[in-house]
Amino acid sequence: MKPVRVEPDTALYIPPKTVHRVKNTGKETLIIAFFVAPGREKAQVVQE
């Protein structure tokens, strides 16, 4: 995976079937929202 730095107030598009992860490397709390279309069943969403 190629790291991508994301700054505050930034939107990021991740194409379908792209392997990805989120890691907060800053000192502030990371707040993130995911929007998936078409929608997924709850069982299809993986959370660690």
Protein backbone atom coordinates (compact mmCIF):
# COMPACT_ATOMS: atom_id res chain seq x y z
CA MET A 1 0.00 0.00 0.00
CA LYS A 2 1.21 3.48 -0.82
CA PRO A 3 0.73 5.90 2.11
CA VAL A 4 -1.36 8.99 1.39
CA ARG A 5 -1.24 11.96 3.75
CA VAL A 6 -4.65 13.51 4.34
CA GLU A 7 -5.01 16.95 5.90
CA PRO A 8 -8.01 18.27 7.90
CA ASP A 9 -11.16 19.05 5.90
CA THR A 10 -10.08 16.70 3.09
CA ALA A 11 -12.23 14.24 1.14
CA LEU A 12 -10.66 11.11 -0.28
CA TYR A 13 -12.10 8.77 -2.94
CA ILE A 14 -11.13 5.11 -2.68
CA PRO A 15 -12.12 3.11 -5.78
CA PRO A 16 -14.13 -0.12 -5.36
CA LYS A 17 -12.14 -3.25 -4.40
CA THR A 18 -9.11 -1.16 -3.37
CA VAL A 19 -7.31 -2.53 -0.30
CA HIS A 20 -6.98 0.29 2.24
CA ARG A 21 -6.70 1.13 5.92
CA VAL A 22 -6.81 4.24 8.08
CA LYS A 23 -4.12 5.13 10.60
CA ASN A 24 -4.06 8.31 12.67
CA THR A 25 -0.44 9.49 12.82
CA GLY A 26 -1.28 12.84 14.42
CA LYS A 27 -1.78 13.86 18.03
CA GLU A 28 -5.40 14.98 17.63
CA THR A 29 -8.43 12.70 17.55
CA LEU A 30 -9.25 11.44 14.07
CA ILE A 31 -12.88 11.80 13.03
CA ILE A 32 -13.74 9.93 9.86
CA ALA A 33 -16.93 9.19 7.93
CA PHE A 34 -17.35 6.50 5.28
CA PHE A 35 -19.97 6.74 2.55
CA VAL A 36 -20.55 3.54 0.59
CA ALA A 37 -22.70 3.34 -2.53
CA PRO A 38 -24.50 1.17 -3.18
CA GLY A 39 -25.14 0.44 0.50
CA ARG A 40 -23.74 -2.62 2.25
CA GLU A 41 -25.30 -5.08 4.64
CA LYS A 42 -23.99 -4.74 8.19
CA ALA A 43 -22.30 -8.16 7.92
CA GLN A 44 -20.22 -6.88 4.98
CA VAL A 45 -18.59 -4.09 7.00
CA VAL A 46 -15.42 -5.09 8.86
CA GLN A 47 -14.40 -3.20 11.98
CA GLU A 48 -11.26 -3.71 14.06
